[in-house]
Amino acid sequence: MSKAGHPWDMAKGFDQSGIVGPIKPLPGQDYTEGRISLSVDGETKQDAPLSDMIWKLPEIISTLSRFVALKPGDIIFTGTPAGVGPVVKGNRLNVSVDGLPSITLTIG
């Protein structure tokens, strides 16, 4: 979609994109503190405090909801700390956010 001239964020995030499986937020968890990390095939690629996010979660939700129908259970990919790189078929990713169960998936 980005090659067709669509904005980068809409080219990467659209209804029914990024399906990763169930995740359940914990009641009372403060998602503005703690860390977020990503490993690819067991090697840490990204690790940063949530407080370093340029846009805070309420701002992200407010802006995004003007363009995309958000529903309970939706996962919002908020961007990335330093360490951006490609993933390829067969890579095993592990994502963790303090206070939540980690998510492990394989690129198909």
C-alpha atoms as a PDB file:
ATOM      1  CA  MET A   1       0.000   0.000   0.000  1.00  0.00           C
ATOM      2  CA  SER A   2       2.850   2.425   0.692  1.00  0.00           C
ATOM      3  CA  LYS A   3       4.119   1.926  -2.871  1.00  0.00           C
ATOM      4  CA  ALA A   4       0.655   2.995  -4.048  1.00  0.00           C
ATOM      5  CA  GLY A   5       1.113   6.334  -2.268  1.00  0.00           C
ATOM      6  CA  HIS A   6      -0.834   5.606   0.911  1.00  0.00           C
ATOM      7  CA  PRO A   7       0.534   6.977   4.210  1.00  0.00           C
ATOM      8  CA  TRP A   8       3.056   4.595   5.793  1.00  0.00           C
ATOM      9  CA  ASP A   9       0.991   4.057   8.948  1.00  0.00           C
ATOM     10  CA  MET A  10      -2.132   3.097   7.004  1.00  0.00           C
ATOM     11  CA  ALA A  11      -0.066   0.886   4.700  1.00  0.00           C
ATOM     12  CA  LYS A  12       1.110  -1.138   7.698  1.00  0.00           C
ATOM     13  CA  GLY A  13      -1.956  -1.017   9.946  1.00  0.00           C
ATOM     14  CA  PHE A  14      -5.465  -1.648   8.659  1.00  0.00           C
ATOM     15  CA  ASP A  15      -8.518  -3.639   9.764  1.00  0.00           C
ATOM     16  CA  GLN A  16      -7.610  -7.312  10.320  1.00  0.00           C
ATOM     17  CA  SER A  17      -3.867  -6.744   9.929  1.00  0.00           C
ATOM     18  CA  GLY A  18      -1.251  -7.955  12.390  1.00  0.00           C
ATOM     19  CA  ILE A  19      -3.204 -10.887  13.783  1.00  0.00           C
ATOM     20  CA  VAL A  20      -1.107 -12.371  16.611  1.00  0.00           C
ATOM     21  CA  GLY A  21      -3.530 -14.198  18.917  1.00  0.00           C
ATOM     22  CA  PRO A  22      -5.261 -13.527  22.210  1.00  0.00           C
ATOM     23  CA  ILE A  23      -3.844 -11.219  24.859  1.00  0.00           C
ATOM     24  CA  LYS A  24      -5.641 -10.041  27.960  1.00  0.00           C
ATOM     25  CA  PRO A  25      -4.641  -6.815  29.736  1.00  0.00           C
ATOM     26  CA  LEU A  26      -4.300  -7.033  33.491  1.00  0.00           C
ATOM     27  CA  PRO A  27      -6.680  -4.827  35.516  1.00  0.00           C
ATOM     28  CA  GLY A  28      -4.981  -1.845  37.105  1.00  0.00           C
ATOM     29  CA  GLN A  29      -1.765  -2.214  35.095  1.00  0.00           C
ATOM     30  CA  ASP A  30       0.005   1.073  34.286  1.00  0.00           C
ATOM     31  CA  TYR A  31       1.140   0.796  30.678  1.00  0.00           C
ATOM     32  CA  THR A  32       3.096   4.054  30.813  1.00  0.00           C
ATOM     33  CA  GLU A  33       5.842   2.523  32.967  1.00  0.00           C
ATOM     34  CA  GLY A  34       8.058  -0.511  32.513  1.00  0.00           C
ATOM     35  CA  ARG A  35       9.835  -1.787  29.431  1.00  0.00           C
ATOM     36  CA  ILE A  36       9.008  -3.178  26.027  1.00  0.00           C
ATOM     37  CA  SER A  37      11.359  -5.557  24.242  1.00  0.00           C
ATOM     38  CA  LEU A  38      11.623  -7.672  21.117  1.00  0.00           C
ATOM     39  CA  SER A  39      13.918 -10.574  20.376  1.00  0.00           C
ATOM     40  CA  VAL A  40      14.338 -12.282  17.016  1.00  0.00           C
ATOM     41  CA  ASP A  41      15.528 -15.886  17.120  1.00  0.00           C
ATOM     42  CA  GLY A  42      16.647 -15.364  20.726  1.00  0.00           C
ATOM     43  CA  GLU A  43      18.671 -12.196  20.067  1.00  0.00           C
ATOM     44  CA  THR A  44      17.438  -8.963  21.677  1.00  0.00           C
ATOM     45  CA  LYS A  45      16.819  -6.426  18.929  1.00  0.00           C
ATOM     46  CA  GLN A  46      14.861  -3.796  20.839  1.00  0.00           C
ATOM     47  CA  ASP A  47      14.550  -2.882  24.502  1.00  0.00           C
ATOM     48  CA  ALA A  48      13.321   0.467  25.829  1.00  0.00           C
ATOM     49  CA  PRO A  49      11.296   2.038  28.634  1.00  0.00           C
ATOM     50  CA  LEU A  50       7.658   2.791  27.785  1.00  0.00           C
ATOM     51  CA  SER A  51       8.163   6.286  29.224  1.00  0.00           C
ATOM     52  CA  ASP A  52      10.402   7.072  26.223  1.00  0.00           C
ATOM     53  CA  MET A  53       7.465   6.848  23.804  1.00  0.00           C
ATOM     54  CA  ILE A  54       7.055  10.090  21.846  1.00  0.00           C
ATOM     55  CA  TRP A  55       3.253   9.745  21.794  1.00  0.00           C
ATOM     56  CA  LYS A  56       1.530   8.568  24.987  1.00  0.00           C
ATOM     57  CA  LEU A  57      -1.093   5.811  24.802  1.00  0.00           C
ATOM     58  CA  PRO A  58      -4.172   8.066  25.257  1.00  0.00           C
ATOM     59  CA  GLU A  59      -2.961  10.280  22.384  1.00  0.00           C
ATOM     60  CA  ILE A  60      -2.336   7.260  20.163  1.00  0.00           C
ATOM     61  CA  ILE A  61      -5.780   5.788  20.863  1.00  0.00           C
ATOM     62  CA  SER A  62      -7.526   9.125  20.308  1.00  0.00           C
ATOM     63  CA  THR A  63      -5.811   9.810  16.988  1.00  0.00           C
ATOM     64  CA  LEU A  64      -6.021   6.259  15.656  1.00  0.00           C
ATOM     65  CA  SER A  65      -9.717   5.932  16.503  1.00  0.00           C
ATOM     66  CA  ARG A  66     -10.470   8.744  14.047  1.00  0.00           C
ATOM     67  CA  PHE A  67      -9.236   6.526  11.196  1.00  0.00           C
ATOM     68  CA  VAL A  68      -9.757   2.918  12.321  1.00  0.00           C
ATOM     69  CA  ALA A  69     -12.670   1.233  14.107  1.00  0.00           C
ATOM     70  CA  LEU A  70     -11.112   0.119  17.404  1.00  0.00           C
ATOM     71  CA  LYS A  71     -12.789  -2.725  19.264  1.00  0.00           C
ATOM     72  CA  PRO A  72     -12.109  -4.415  22.620  1.00  0.00           C
ATOM     73  CA  GLY A  73      -9.219  -6.823  22.200  1.00  0.00           C
ATOM     74  CA  ASP A  74      -7.558  -4.911  19.355  1.00  0.00           C
ATOM     75  CA  ILE A  75      -3.788  -4.629  19.598  1.00  0.00           C
ATOM     76  CA  ILE A  76      -2.238  -1.304  18.607  1.00  0.00           C
ATOM     77  CA  PHE A  77       1.303  -1.470  17.290  1.00  0.00           C
ATOM     78  CA  THR A  78       2.713   1.791  18.628  1.00  0.00           C
ATOM     79  CA  GLY A  79       5.957   2.034  16.757  1.00  0.00           C
ATOM     80  CA  THR A  80       9.369   0.865  17.708  1.00  0.00           C
ATOM     81  CA  PRO A  81      12.373   1.772  19.796  1.00  0.00           C
ATOM     82  CA  ALA A  82      15.847   1.742  18.258  1.00  0.00           C
ATOM     83  CA  GLY A  83      16.828  -1.517  16.596  1.00  0.00           C
ATOM     84  CA  VAL A  84      14.507  -1.612  13.591  1.00  0.00           C
ATOM     85  CA  GLY A  85      15.316  -4.345  11.107  1.00  0.00           C
ATOM     86  CA  PRO A  86      13.666  -6.757   8.718  1.00  0.00           C
ATOM     87  CA  VAL A  87      12.144 -10.073   9.720  1.00  0.00           C
ATOM     88  CA  VAL A  88      11.873 -12.957   7.307  1.00  0.00           C
ATOM     89  CA  LYS A  89       9.873 -16.138   6.960  1.00  0.00           C
ATOM     90  CA  GLY A  90      10.816 -18.570   9.708  1.00  0.00           C
ATOM     91  CA  ASN A  91      12.007 -15.928  12.214  1.00  0.00           C
ATOM     92  CA  ARG A  92      10.734 -16.534  15.741  1.00  0.00           C
ATOM     93  CA  LEU A  93       9.800 -13.300  17.520  1.00  0.00           C
ATOM     94  CA  ASN A  94       9.243 -12.772  21.223  1.00  0.00           C
ATOM     95  CA  VAL A  95       7.634  -9.550  22.395  1.00  0.00           C
ATOM     96  CA  SER A  96       7.358  -8.569  26.028  1.00  0.00           C
ATOM     97  CA  VAL A  97       5.848  -5.644  27.873  1.00  0.00           C
ATOM     98  CA  ASP A  98       6.312  -5.446  31.628  1.00  0.00           C
ATOM     99  CA  GLY A  99       3.153  -6.597  33.385  1.00  0.00           C
ATOM    100  CA  LEU A 100       1.827  -8.654  30.457  1.00  0.00           C
ATOM    101  CA  PRO A 101       2.456 -12.204  29.312  1.00  0.00           C
ATOM    102  CA  SER A 102       4.998 -12.300  26.484  1.00  0.00           C
ATOM    103  CA  ILE A 103       3.929 -13.099  22.933  1.00  0.00           C
ATOM    104  CA  THR A 104       5.928 -15.509  20.786  1.00  0.00           C
ATOM    105  CA  LEU A 105       5.201 -15.961  17.096  1.00  0.00           C
ATOM    106  CA  THR A 106       6.846 -17.307  13.978  1.00  0.00           C
ATOM    107  CA  ILE A 107       6.817 -15.365  10.711  1.00  0.00           C
ATOM    108  CA  GLY A 108       5.007 -17.546   8.159  1.00  0.00           C
END
